[in-house]
Amino acid sequence: MLLTVDIGNTNTVLGIFHNKTASENEQSASVLKKTSLSYNLFIDNLSPDTTRVRDMFCAFRISTVTTRTADELAIIFANLLEFITVADVIDAVAVASSVPQALADMLLMLGRFFKVPVLVADHTVAQDINIFYNPPQDVGPDRIVDVLAARDLYKSPCIIVDLGTATTFDVISSAGDYLGGAITPGLVISQDALAAKAAALRHVQLSPPDGVIGRSTTESIRSGLIFGHASMIERMCERIETELSAKADLILTGGLAQVILDVLEREFAYEPWLTLHGLKLAYDQRYERK
C-alpha cells in the first residue's frame, strides 16, 4: 500500500492508497474494515459529486509542527497506522512539502522506521508536462502534484484553487501545459493580520454570516473574510479565463475549501484529496508500482 504525505505550513495530510492488484486490494480492505469502519476513515461514502478520487482507503489530517522530532513523528504515524491495522503493509511513501524543516524531519523518520522507497515530489515529477514557470524548480511541490491530479481527473483548460495558509491559483492550458498562477494571503493569514494590526478587531469563527451586510463587528469581519475571499477567487478565475480566451474547469481543494464552498456563485469541483491523488500518480509514474 502507498502512503502519501502532503506537508503544508498549517496541516499535514496523510492518505493511504490501494495497490493496483485486485487481490491485494480486497485483502487490505478486509483488514481495514474489521477495525476501522465505524470511525468514518473511508472515502467510499463520498459521492461522485464530491470527489473523483476512487482508490484511496482513508485520510488523516494532523498539525504541521516544525519543532517535532523524527521520533515524535514516528510515534504519531505508528499510532495512526496501527489504529487502522496497515502499519505492516505500507510498501512505499510519496511526500510533497513546502516546509523544509518539516520535510527533513519526515525523511529522517521514514528512513529510520519505515525503510521503504520514498518519493519526494518536485518539479521533475511532471515528466510529460511543459512548465512555463521561471525557474521551474520554484513551483511548490504541492502545486505540481495538484496539476498532475487535475489533468488526470478533469479536462483542460482548468484552474486549481488551493485554500491553505496561502490561497493559490494554478492554471493548466488547453494543451495540458502548466502556465503558472497566482498566490494570495489565505483566510487565516488575513484574519491574523486584521487582529494583529487593528486594535478594535478580533479573531472570529471562519464561517459565513447570514448575509453580506454584517449587523455587528463580528458579522462584518466574517462577511469580509468569507464573502470577500469568495469574490476574489471568482473574479481571479474570470480574469484568468480572459487571458486563456476559454472557459476552464474550476477545481477547489485545500484545508479551508469547505469554508467558502457554499458561498461561491460559480460551479467549482471540490476535490479534498487532490494533492494526495497527485502524489500517487507521481509515484506510480516514477516507479511503476505494482
Foldseek 3Di string as FASTA:
>chain_A
DEWEWEAEQWKIKIWAFFFPDPVRLVVLVVLQCVQPPVPPFAPVPPDVLAAPDDGIGGMDMDTQDLPDALVNVLVVVVVVCVNSPCLPPHAEYEYFYPDVSSVVRPVVNCVVPPVHYYHYFFLVLPVPAAEQDVVRRPPGRLLNLLLVLCVVRHAPFEWEWAAEQWTWIWTAHNVRHTNGTDIGGHLVRVQVCCVVPPVVAHDEDQAQDPDLDDPDRRNVSNSCSQVVVLVVVVVRQVVVCVVNVHHHAYEYEYPCRVRRQVVHPDDHRYHHCSSVVSSVVSCCVVPVGD
